[in-house]
Amino acid sequence: MVYVFAGVTSAVSRGHPHLRLNSAEPVAGLGYELDVIAAVVIGGTSLNGGRGSVWGTLVGALLIAVINNGMVLLGISPYFQQLVKGLIILGAVLLDRLREEPA
């Protein structure tokens, strides 16, 4: 049921821009993978064991959206935007590793 729910909500959310623009292209969602991974990792989900919360992921998604919007408004190149998101993921993973290490 979780997979069905995820598929339905994904289809509905991806259909919205196409309805508004009256056009569709097959690569419309390409490149969002890094944003999703960053949102989940920033939200506190461990890449090692998958422990996390929905609220943490929501906060991570909002934070990534604000960062993306800020970089666009500042006129930062898309290539450097990918670099910044990669560094954010790396920092979040390092913090997760430090948090899990026994003292």
PDB file of N, CA and C in Angstrom:
ATOM      1  N   MET A   1       0.827  -1.202   0.000  1.00  0.00           N
ATOM      2  CA  MET A   1       0.000   0.000   0.000  1.00  0.00           C
ATOM      3  C   MET A   1       0.866   1.259   0.000  1.00  0.00           C
ATOM      4  N   VAL A   2       2.032   1.185   0.645  1.00  0.00           N
ATOM      5  CA  VAL A   2       2.921   2.343   0.673  1.00  0.00           C
ATOM      6  C   VAL A   2       3.399   2.682  -0.734  1.00  0.00           C
ATOM      7  N   TYR A   3       3.741   1.656  -1.523  1.00  0.00           N
ATOM      8  CA  TYR A   3       4.194   1.897  -2.893  1.00  0.00           C
ATOM      9  C   TYR A   3       3.075   2.478  -3.755  1.00  0.00           C
ATOM     10  N   VAL A   4       1.860   1.991  -3.553  1.00  0.00           N
ATOM     11  CA  VAL A   4       0.720   2.531  -4.303  1.00  0.00           C
ATOM     12  C   VAL A   4       0.501   3.988  -3.943  1.00  0.00           C
ATOM     13  N   PHE A   5       0.538   4.295  -2.653  1.00  0.00           N
ATOM     14  CA  PHE A   5       0.357   5.676  -2.202  1.00  0.00           C
ATOM     15  C   PHE A   5       1.453   6.578  -2.758  1.00  0.00           C
ATOM     16  N   ALA A   6       2.710   6.112  -2.716  1.00  0.00           N
ATOM     17  CA  ALA A   6       3.826   6.901  -3.235  1.00  0.00           C
ATOM     18  C   ALA A   6       3.675   7.125  -4.732  1.00  0.00           C
ATOM     19  N   GLY A   7       3.246   6.120  -5.462  1.00  0.00           N
ATOM     20  CA  GLY A   7       3.053   6.268  -6.907  1.00  0.00           C
ATOM     21  C   GLY A   7       1.942   7.238  -7.250  1.00  0.00           C
ATOM     22  N   VAL A   8       0.844   7.154  -6.531  1.00  0.00           N
ATOM     23  CA  VAL A   8      -0.286   8.058  -6.796  1.00  0.00           C
ATOM     24  C   VAL A   8       0.080   9.502  -6.463  1.00  0.00           C
ATOM     25  N   THR A   9       0.693   9.718  -5.307  1.00  0.00           N
ATOM     26  CA  THR A   9       1.062  11.092  -4.944  1.00  0.00           C
ATOM     27  C   THR A   9       2.137  11.641  -5.869  1.00  0.00           C
ATOM     28  N   SER A  10       3.034  10.791  -6.329  1.00  0.00           N
ATOM     29  CA  SER A  10       4.054  11.230  -7.286  1.00  0.00           C
ATOM     30  C   SER A  10       3.411  11.633  -8.610  1.00  0.00           C
ATOM     31  N   ALA A  11       2.485  10.834  -9.085  1.00  0.00           N
ATOM     32  CA  ALA A  11       1.816  11.146 -10.351  1.00  0.00           C
ATOM     33  C   ALA A  11       1.017  12.443 -10.250  1.00  0.00           C
ATOM     34  N   VAL A  12       0.339  12.638  -9.143  1.00  0.00           N
ATOM     35  CA  VAL A  12      -0.449  13.860  -8.969  1.00  0.00           C
ATOM     36  C   VAL A  12       0.458  15.081  -8.883  1.00  0.00           C
ATOM     37  N   SER A  13       1.554  14.976  -8.141  1.00  0.00           N
ATOM     38  CA  SER A  13       2.437  16.129  -7.985  1.00  0.00           C
ATOM     39  C   SER A  13       3.166  16.454  -9.274  1.00  0.00           C
ATOM     40  N   ARG A  14       3.524  15.460 -10.074  1.00  0.00           N
ATOM     41  CA  ARG A  14       4.213  15.725 -11.328  1.00  0.00           C
ATOM     42  C   ARG A  14       3.238  16.191 -12.404  1.00  0.00           C
ATOM     43  N   GLY A  15       1.981  15.875 -12.272  1.00  0.00           N
ATOM     44  CA  GLY A  15       1.007  16.295 -13.269  1.00  0.00           C
ATOM     45  C   GLY A  15       0.652  17.758 -13.174  1.00  0.00           C
ATOM     46  N   HIS A  16       0.852  18.346 -12.010  1.00  0.00           N
ATOM     47  CA  HIS A  16       0.463  19.736 -11.794  1.00  0.00           C
ATOM     48  C   HIS A  16       1.168  20.723 -12.732  1.00  0.00           C
ATOM     49  N   PRO A  17       2.499  20.692 -12.863  1.00  0.00           N
ATOM     50  CA  PRO A  17       3.142  21.648 -13.783  1.00  0.00           C
ATOM     51  C   PRO A  17       2.713  21.451 -15.240  1.00  0.00           C
ATOM     52  N   HIS A  18       2.453  20.208 -15.621  1.00  0.00           N
ATOM     53  CA  HIS A  18       2.052  19.953 -16.993  1.00  0.00           C
ATOM     54  C   HIS A  18       0.655  20.506 -17.277  1.00  0.00           C
ATOM     55  N   LEU A  19      -0.205  20.446 -16.301  1.00  0.00           N
ATOM     56  CA  LEU A  19      -1.537  21.015 -16.479  1.00  0.00           C
ATOM     57  C   LEU A  19      -1.470  22.531 -16.587  1.00  0.00           C
ATOM     58  N   ARG A  20      -0.584  23.131 -15.819  1.00  0.00           N
ATOM     59  CA  ARG A  20      -0.469  24.579 -15.821  1.00  0.00           C
ATOM     60  C   ARG A  20       0.178  25.096 -17.104  1.00  0.00           C
ATOM     61  N   LEU A  21       1.150  24.374 -17.634  1.00  0.00           N
ATOM     62  CA  LEU A  21       1.885  24.831 -18.813  1.00  0.00           C
ATOM     63  C   LEU A  21       1.311  24.314 -20.129  1.00  0.00           C
ATOM     64  N   ASN A  22       0.366  23.385 -20.059  1.00  0.00           N
ATOM     65  CA  ASN A  22      -0.229  22.771 -21.241  1.00  0.00           C
ATOM     66  C   ASN A  22       0.821  22.107 -22.121  1.00  0.00           C
ATOM     67  N   SER A  23       1.840  21.569 -21.524  1.00  0.00           N
ATOM     68  CA  SER A  23       2.861  20.833 -22.276  1.00  0.00           C
ATOM     69  C   SER A  23       3.521  19.823 -21.349  1.00  0.00           C
ATOM     70  N   ALA A  24       4.180  18.846 -21.953  1.00  0.00           N
ATOM     71  CA  ALA A  24       4.871  17.832 -21.172  1.00  0.00           C
ATOM     72  C   ALA A  24       6.111  17.393 -21.936  1.00  0.00           C
ATOM     73  N   GLU A  25       7.127  17.033 -21.201  1.00  0.00           N
ATOM     74  CA  GLU A  25       8.320  16.466 -21.823  1.00  0.00           C
ATOM     75  C   GLU A  25       8.817  15.320 -20.956  1.00  0.00           C
ATOM     76  N   PRO A  26       9.447  14.327 -21.556  1.00  0.00           N
ATOM     77  CA  PRO A  26       9.808  13.131 -20.802  1.00  0.00           C
ATOM     78  C   PRO A  26      10.922  13.326 -19.774  1.00  0.00           C
ATOM     79  N   VAL A  27      11.681  14.386 -19.863  1.00  0.00           N
ATOM     80  CA  VAL A  27      12.781  14.606 -18.925  1.00  0.00           C
ATOM     81  C   VAL A  27      12.475  15.740 -17.955  1.00  0.00           C
ATOM     82  N   ALA A  28      11.210  15.967 -17.680  1.00  0.00           N
ATOM     83  CA  ALA A  28      10.813  17.102 -16.848  1.00  0.00           C
ATOM     84  C   ALA A  28      11.328  16.985 -15.412  1.00  0.00           C
ATOM     85  N   GLY A  29      11.453  15.799 -14.868  1.00  0.00           N
ATOM     86  CA  GLY A  29      11.883  15.642 -13.490  1.00  0.00           C
ATOM     87  C   GLY A  29      13.344  15.263 -13.341  1.00  0.00           C
ATOM     88  N   LEU A  30      14.079  15.325 -14.422  1.00  0.00           N
ATOM     89  CA  LEU A  30      15.486  14.926 -14.395  1.00  0.00           C
ATOM     90  C   LEU A  30      16.298  15.898 -13.546  1.00  0.00           C
ATOM     91  N   GLY A  31      17.085  15.379 -12.658  1.00  0.00           N
ATOM     92  CA  GLY A  31      17.928  16.218 -11.827  1.00  0.00           C
ATOM     93  C   GLY A  31      17.405  16.449 -10.424  1.00  0.00           C
ATOM     94  N   TYR A  32      16.216  15.976 -10.126  1.00  0.00           N
ATOM     95  CA  TYR A  32      15.662  16.161  -8.787  1.00  0.00           C
ATOM     96  C   TYR A  32      16.155  15.106  -7.805  1.00  0.00           C
ATOM     97  N   GLU A  33      16.901  14.116  -8.296  1.00  0.00           N
ATOM     98  CA  GLU A  33      17.355  13.045  -7.421  1.00  0.00           C
ATOM     99  C   GLU A  33      18.256  13.584  -6.313  1.00  0.00           C
ATOM    100  N   LEU A  34      19.161  14.499  -6.679  1.00  0.00           N
ATOM    101  CA  LEU A  34      20.082  15.057  -5.696  1.00  0.00           C
ATOM    102  C   LEU A  34      19.324  15.870  -4.645  1.00  0.00           C
ATOM    103  N   ASP A  35      18.289  16.586  -5.067  1.00  0.00           N
ATOM    104  CA  ASP A  35      17.478  17.350  -4.120  1.00  0.00           C
ATOM    105  C   ASP A  35      16.774  16.425  -3.130  1.00  0.00           C
ATOM    106  N   VAL A  36      16.266  15.313  -3.613  1.00  0.00           N
ATOM    107  CA  VAL A  36      15.556  14.375  -2.748  1.00  0.00           C
ATOM    108  C   VAL A  36      16.505  13.752  -1.736  1.00  0.00           C
ATOM    109  N   ILE A  37      17.671  13.324  -2.210  1.00  0.00           N
ATOM    110  CA  ILE A  37      18.645  12.726  -1.294  1.00  0.00           C
ATOM    111  C   ILE A  37      19.086  13.753  -0.253  1.00  0.00           C
ATOM    112  N   ALA A  38      19.345  14.977  -0.708  1.00  0.00           N
ATOM    113  CA  ALA A  38      19.767  16.028   0.224  1.00  0.00           C
ATOM    114  C   ALA A  38      18.685  16.304   1.263  1.00  0.00           C
ATOM    115  N   ALA A  39      17.434  16.374   0.849  1.00  0.00           N
ATOM    116  CA  ALA A  39      16.344  16.654   1.785  1.00  0.00           C
ATOM    117  C   ALA A  39      16.230  15.561   2.837  1.00  0.00           C
ATOM    118  N   VAL A  40      16.352  14.314   2.417  1.00  0.00           N
ATOM    119  CA  VAL A  40      16.217  13.202   3.360  1.00  0.00           C
ATOM    120  C   VAL A  40      17.387  13.172   4.340  1.00  0.00           C
ATOM    121  N   VAL A  41      18.601  13.401   3.821  1.00  0.00           N
ATOM    122  CA  VAL A  41      19.778  13.362   4.697  1.00  0.00           C
ATOM    123  C   VAL A  41      19.771  14.542   5.662  1.00  0.00           C
ATOM    124  N   ILE A  42      19.426  15.720   5.169  1.00  0.00           N
ATOM    125  CA  ILE A  42      19.352  16.892   6.045  1.00  0.00           C
ATOM    126  C   ILE A  42      18.250  16.706   7.084  1.00  0.00           C
ATOM    127  N   GLY A  43      17.190  16.016   6.705  1.00  0.00           N
ATOM    128  CA  GLY A  43      16.091  15.764   7.625  1.00  0.00           C
ATOM    129  C   GLY A  43      16.424  14.807   8.750  1.00  0.00           C
ATOM    130  N   GLY A  44      17.600  14.177   8.688  1.00  0.00           N
ATOM    131  CA  GLY A  44      18.023  13.332   9.792  1.00  0.00           C
ATOM    132  C   GLY A  44      17.934  11.845   9.544  1.00  0.00           C
ATOM    133  N   THR A  45      17.541  11.426   8.354  1.00  0.00           N
ATOM    134  CA  THR A  45      17.485  10.003   8.068  1.00  0.00           C
ATOM    135  C   THR A  45      18.895   9.488   7.841  1.00  0.00           C
ATOM    136  N   SER A  46      19.247   8.431   8.543  1.00  0.00           N
ATOM    137  CA  SER A  46      20.578   7.856   8.417  1.00  0.00           C
ATOM    138  C   SER A  46      20.673   7.043   7.136  1.00  0.00           C
ATOM    139  N   LEU A  47      21.696   7.278   6.353  1.00  0.00           N
ATOM    140  CA  LEU A  47      21.906   6.482   5.145  1.00  0.00           C
ATOM    141  C   LEU A  47      22.371   5.074   5.481  1.00  0.00           C
ATOM    142  N   ASN A  48      22.820   4.884   6.688  1.00  0.00           N
ATOM    143  CA  ASN A  48      23.301   3.585   7.113  1.00  0.00           C
ATOM    144  C   ASN A  48      22.163   2.653   7.501  1.00  0.00           C
ATOM    145  N   GLY A  49      21.166   3.187   8.218  1.00  0.00           N
ATOM    146  CA  GLY A  49      20.118   2.309   8.705  1.00  0.00           C
ATOM    147  C   GLY A  49      18.716   2.748   8.356  1.00  0.00           C
ATOM    148  N   GLY A  50      18.549   3.919   7.781  1.00  0.00           N
ATOM    149  CA  GLY A  50      17.228   4.367   7.382  1.00  0.00           C
ATOM    150  C   GLY A  50      16.366   4.878   8.514  1.00  0.00           C
ATOM    151  N   ARG A  51      16.972   5.231   9.641  1.00  0.00           N
ATOM    152  CA  ARG A  51      16.182   5.768  10.744  1.00  0.00           C
ATOM    153  C   ARG A  51      15.953   7.261  10.494  1.00  0.00           C
ATOM    154  N   GLY A  52      14.712   7.673  10.638  1.00  0.00           N
ATOM    155  CA  GLY A  52      14.385   9.075  10.428  1.00  0.00           C
ATOM    156  C   GLY A  52      12.907   9.313  10.655  1.00  0.00           C
ATOM    157  N   SER A  53      12.466  10.521  10.336  1.00  0.00           N
ATOM    158  CA  SER A  53      11.055  10.842  10.526  1.00  0.00           C
ATOM    159  C   SER A  53      10.538  11.619   9.319  1.00  0.00           C
ATOM    160  N   VAL A  54       9.249  11.579   9.170  1.00  0.00           N
ATOM    161  CA  VAL A  54       8.612  12.315   8.083  1.00  0.00           C
ATOM    162  C   VAL A  54       8.777  13.817   8.306  1.00  0.00           C
ATOM    163  N   TRP A  55       8.653  14.255   9.541  1.00  0.00           N
ATOM    164  CA  TRP A  55       8.765  15.688   9.832  1.00  0.00           C
ATOM    165  C   TRP A  55      10.171  16.198   9.562  1.00  0.00           C
ATOM    166  N   GLY A  56      11.166  15.393   9.897  1.00  0.00           N
ATOM    167  CA  GLY A  56      12.538  15.775   9.605  1.00  0.00           C
ATOM    168  C   GLY A  56      12.779  15.894   8.110  1.00  0.00           C
ATOM    169  N   THR A  57      12.229  14.952   7.345  1.00  0.00           N
ATOM    170  CA  THR A  57      12.363  15.004   5.895  1.00  0.00           C
ATOM    171  C   THR A  57      11.646  16.220   5.329  1.00  0.00           C
ATOM    172  N   LEU A  58      10.497  16.567   5.885  1.00  0.00           N
ATOM    173  CA  LEU A  58       9.771  17.763   5.441  1.00  0.00           C
ATOM    174  C   LEU A  58      10.590  19.020   5.703  1.00  0.00           C
ATOM    175  N   VAL A  59      11.209  19.097   6.872  1.00  0.00           N
ATOM    176  CA  VAL A  59      12.068  20.244   7.191  1.00  0.00           C
ATOM    177  C   VAL A  59      13.265  20.280   6.240  1.00  0.00           C
ATOM    178  N   GLY A  60      13.845  19.112   5.958  1.00  0.00           N
ATOM    179  CA  GLY A  60      14.958  19.042   5.018  1.00  0.00           C
ATOM    180  C   GLY A  60      14.545  19.492   3.626  1.00  0.00           C
ATOM    181  N   ALA A  61      13.352  19.099   3.181  1.00  0.00           N
ATOM    182  CA  ALA A  61      12.862  19.508   1.860  1.00  0.00           C
ATOM    183  C   ALA A  61      12.640  21.018   1.802  1.00  0.00           C
ATOM    184  N   LEU A  62      12.093  21.581   2.866  1.00  0.00           N
ATOM    185  CA  LEU A  62      11.902  23.036   2.900  1.00  0.00           C
ATOM    186  C   LEU A  62      13.239  23.765   2.895  1.00  0.00           C
ATOM    187  N   LEU A  63      14.203  23.240   3.623  1.00  0.00           N
ATOM    188  CA  LEU A  63      15.526  23.855   3.653  1.00  0.00           C
ATOM    189  C   LEU A  63      16.202  23.794   2.282  1.00  0.00           C
ATOM    190  N   ILE A  64      16.114  22.665   1.605  1.00  0.00           N
ATOM    191  CA  ILE A  64      16.690  22.543   0.260  1.00  0.00           C
ATOM    192  C   ILE A  64      15.982  23.482  -0.709  1.00  0.00           C
ATOM    193  N   ALA A  65      14.670  23.624  -0.582  1.00  0.00           N
ATOM    194  CA  ALA A  65      13.936  24.543  -1.460  1.00  0.00           C
ATOM    195  C   ALA A  65      14.386  25.983  -1.242  1.00  0.00           C
ATOM    196  N   VAL A  66      14.603  26.370   0.007  1.00  0.00           N
ATOM    197  CA  VAL A  66      15.071  27.727   0.304  1.00  0.00           C
ATOM    198  C   VAL A  66      16.478  27.935  -0.246  1.00  0.00           C
ATOM    199  N   ILE A  67      17.346  26.923  -0.085  1.00  0.00           N
ATOM    200  CA  ILE A  67      18.708  27.028  -0.604  1.00  0.00           C
ATOM    201  C   ILE A  67      18.697  27.133  -2.123  1.00  0.00           C
ATOM    202  N   ASN A  68      17.888  26.293  -2.786  1.00  0.00           N
ATOM    203  CA  ASN A  68      17.784  26.354  -4.251  1.00  0.00           C
ATOM    204  C   ASN A  68      17.289  27.720  -4.707  1.00  0.00           C
ATOM    205  N   ASN A  69      16.258  28.226  -4.057  1.00  0.00           N
ATOM    206  CA  ASN A  69      15.695  29.522  -4.427  1.00  0.00           C
ATOM    207  C   ASN A  69      16.723  30.635  -4.217  1.00  0.00           C
ATOM    208  N   GLY A  70      17.442  30.581  -3.110  1.00  0.00           N
ATOM    209  CA  GLY A  70      18.461  31.592  -2.833  1.00  0.00           C
ATOM    210  C   GLY A  70      19.572  31.581  -3.870  1.00  0.00           C
ATOM    211  N   MET A  71      20.006  30.379  -4.267  1.00  0.00           N
ATOM    212  CA  MET A  71      21.072  30.308  -5.258  1.00  0.00           C
ATOM    213  C   MET A  71      20.612  30.815  -6.616  1.00  0.00           C
ATOM    214  N   VAL A  72      19.354  30.546  -6.966  1.00  0.00           N
ATOM    215  CA  VAL A  72      18.821  31.061  -8.230  1.00  0.00           C
ATOM    216  C   VAL A  72      18.727  32.581  -8.181  1.00  0.00           C
ATOM    217  N   LEU A  73      18.241  33.126  -7.069  1.00  0.00           N
ATOM    218  CA  LEU A  73      18.114  34.580  -6.940  1.00  0.00           C
ATOM    219  C   LEU A  73      19.473  35.268  -6.943  1.00  0.00           C
ATOM    220  N   LEU A  74      20.511  34.595  -6.441  1.00  0.00           N
ATOM    221  CA  LEU A  74      21.853  35.151  -6.448  1.00  0.00           C
ATOM    222  C   LEU A  74      22.548  34.995  -7.800  1.00  0.00           C
ATOM    223  N   GLY A  75      21.925  34.251  -8.708  1.00  0.00           N
ATOM    224  CA  GLY A  75      22.489  34.080 -10.041  1.00  0.00           C
ATOM    225  C   GLY A  75      23.656  33.107 -10.091  1.00  0.00           C
ATOM    226  N   ILE A  76      23.676  32.154  -9.187  1.00  0.00           N
ATOM    227  CA  ILE A  76      24.752  31.160  -9.165  1.00  0.00           C
ATOM    228  C   ILE A  76      24.527  30.161 -10.298  1.00  0.00           C
ATOM    229  N   SER A  77      25.612  29.786 -10.961  1.00  0.00           N
ATOM    230  CA  SER A  77      25.565  28.845 -12.079  1.00  0.00           C
ATOM    231  C   SER A  77      24.969  27.511 -11.630  1.00  0.00           C
ATOM    232  N   PRO A  78      24.184  26.871 -12.497  1.00  0.00           N
ATOM    233  CA  PRO A  78      23.612  25.561 -12.134  1.00  0.00           C
ATOM    234  C   PRO A  78      24.664  24.513 -11.785  1.00  0.00           C
ATOM    235  N   TYR A  79      25.830  24.613 -12.385  1.00  0.00           N
ATOM    236  CA  TYR A  79      26.895  23.655 -12.078  1.00  0.00           C
ATOM    237  C   TYR A  79      27.382  23.836 -10.648  1.00  0.00           C
ATOM    238  N   PHE A  80      27.510  25.079 -10.224  1.00  0.00           N
ATOM    239  CA  PHE A  80      27.922  25.331  -8.848  1.00  0.00           C
ATOM    240  C   PHE A  80      26.798  25.017  -7.868  1.00  0.00           C
ATOM    241  N   GLN A  81      25.549  25.125  -8.306  1.00  0.00           N
ATOM    242  CA  GLN A  81      24.438  24.750  -7.446  1.00  0.00           C
ATOM    243  C   GLN A  81      24.509  23.260  -7.118  1.00  0.00           C
ATOM    244  N   GLN A  82      24.824  22.433  -8.114  1.00  0.00           N
ATOM    245  CA  GLN A  82      24.987  21.000  -7.875  1.00  0.00           C
ATOM    246  C   GLN A  82      26.137  20.742  -6.905  1.00  0.00           C
ATOM    247  N   LEU A  83      27.216  21.502  -7.057  1.00  0.00           N
ATOM    248  CA  LEU A  83      28.361  21.361  -6.161  1.00  0.00           C
ATOM    249  C   LEU A  83      27.977  21.708  -4.724  1.00  0.00           C
ATOM    250  N   VAL A  84      27.243  22.797  -4.553  1.00  0.00           N
ATOM    251  CA  VAL A  84      26.821  23.213  -3.209  1.00  0.00           C
ATOM    252  C   VAL A  84      25.915  22.154  -2.590  1.00  0.00           C
ATOM    253  N   LYS A  85      24.982  21.611  -3.367  1.00  0.00           N
ATOM    254  CA  LYS A  85      24.094  20.575  -2.831  1.00  0.00           C
ATOM    255  C   LYS A  85      24.877  19.316  -2.474  1.00  0.00           C
ATOM    256  N   GLY A  86      25.864  18.970  -3.282  1.00  0.00           N
ATOM    257  CA  GLY A  86      26.711  17.827  -2.969  1.00  0.00           C
ATOM    258  C   GLY A  86      27.488  18.036  -1.675  1.00  0.00           C
ATOM    259  N   LEU A  87      28.000  19.256  -1.483  1.00  0.00           N
ATOM    260  CA  LEU A  87      28.719  19.566  -0.249  1.00  0.00           C
ATOM    261  C   LEU A  87      27.792  19.536   0.962  1.00  0.00           C
ATOM    262  N   ILE A  88      26.556  19.967   0.773  1.00  0.00           N
ATOM    263  CA  ILE A  88      25.570  19.912   1.859  1.00  0.00           C
ATOM    264  C   ILE A  88      25.290  18.460   2.243  1.00  0.00           C
ATOM    265  N   ILE A  89      25.129  17.594   1.241  1.00  0.00           N
ATOM    266  CA  ILE A  89      24.915  16.170   1.516  1.00  0.00           C
ATOM    267  C   ILE A  89      26.125  15.583   2.232  1.00  0.00           C
ATOM    268  N   LEU A  90      27.318  15.912   1.758  1.00  0.00           N
ATOM    269  CA  LEU A  90      28.538  15.408   2.390  1.00  0.00           C
ATOM    270  C   LEU A  90      28.625  15.855   3.848  1.00  0.00           C
ATOM    271  N   GLY A  91      28.321  17.118   4.112  1.00  0.00           N
ATOM    272  CA  GLY A  91      28.337  17.619   5.483  1.00  0.00           C
ATOM    273  C   GLY A  91      27.310  16.930   6.362  1.00  0.00           C
ATOM    274  N   ALA A  92      26.109  16.702   5.818  1.00  0.00           N
ATOM    275  CA  ALA A  92      25.058  16.035   6.604  1.00  0.00           C
ATOM    276  C   ALA A  92      25.441  14.588   6.899  1.00  0.00           C
ATOM    277  N   VAL A  93      26.052  13.913   5.932  1.00  0.00           N
ATOM    278  CA  VAL A  93      26.471  12.528   6.152  1.00  0.00           C
ATOM    279  C   VAL A  93      27.588  12.480   7.193  1.00  0.00           C
ATOM    280  N   LEU A  94      28.531  13.423   7.115  1.00  0.00           N
ATOM    281  CA  LEU A  94      29.601  13.464   8.117  1.00  0.00           C
ATOM    282  C   LEU A  94      29.051  13.714   9.518  1.00  0.00           C
ATOM    283  N   LEU A  95      28.089  14.620   9.640  1.00  0.00           N
ATOM    284  CA  LEU A  95      27.464  14.868  10.943  1.00  0.00           C
ATOM    285  C   LEU A  95      26.726  13.636  11.441  1.00  0.00           C
ATOM    286  N   ASP A  96      26.078  12.922  10.530  1.00  0.00           N
ATOM    287  CA  ASP A  96      25.375  11.694  10.898  1.00  0.00           C
ATOM    288  C   ASP A  96      26.361  10.650  11.407  1.00  0.00           C
ATOM    289  N   ARG A  97      27.489  10.535  10.742  1.00  0.00           N
ATOM    290  CA  ARG A  97      28.521   9.576  11.154  1.00  0.00           C
ATOM    291  C   ARG A  97      29.078   9.935  12.538  1.00  0.00           C
ATOM    292  N   LEU A  98      29.314  11.213  12.762  1.00  0.00           N
ATOM    293  CA  LEU A  98      29.832  11.653  14.068  1.00  0.00           C
ATOM    294  C   LEU A  98      28.821  11.393  15.176  1.00  0.00           C
ATOM    295  N   ARG A  99      27.549  11.571  14.844  1.00  0.00           N
ATOM    296  CA  ARG A  99      26.489  11.355  15.829  1.00  0.00           C
ATOM    297  C   ARG A  99      26.346   9.892  16.192  1.00  0.00           C
ATOM    298  N   GLU A 100      26.590   8.987  15.224  1.00  0.00           N
ATOM    299  CA  GLU A 100      26.411   7.556  15.465  1.00  0.00           C
ATOM    300  C   GLU A 100      27.620   6.906  16.113  1.00  0.00           C
ATOM    301  N   GLU A 101      28.783   7.534  16.029  1.00  0.00           N
ATOM    302  CA  GLU A 101      29.993   6.939  16.591  1.00  0.00           C
ATOM    303  C   GLU A 101      29.893   6.863  18.112  1.00  0.00           C
ATOM    304  N   PRO A 102      30.250   5.708  18.683  1.00  0.00           N
ATOM    305  CA  PRO A 102      30.262   5.618  20.149  1.00  0.00           C
ATOM    306  C   PRO A 102      31.427   6.442  20.718  1.00  0.00           C
ATOM    307  N   ALA A 103      31.186   7.054  21.856  1.00  0.00           N
ATOM    308  CA  ALA A 103      32.198   7.922  22.454  1.00  0.00           C
ATOM    309  C   ALA A 103      33.287   7.172  23.151  1.00  0.00           C
TER     310      ALA A 103
END
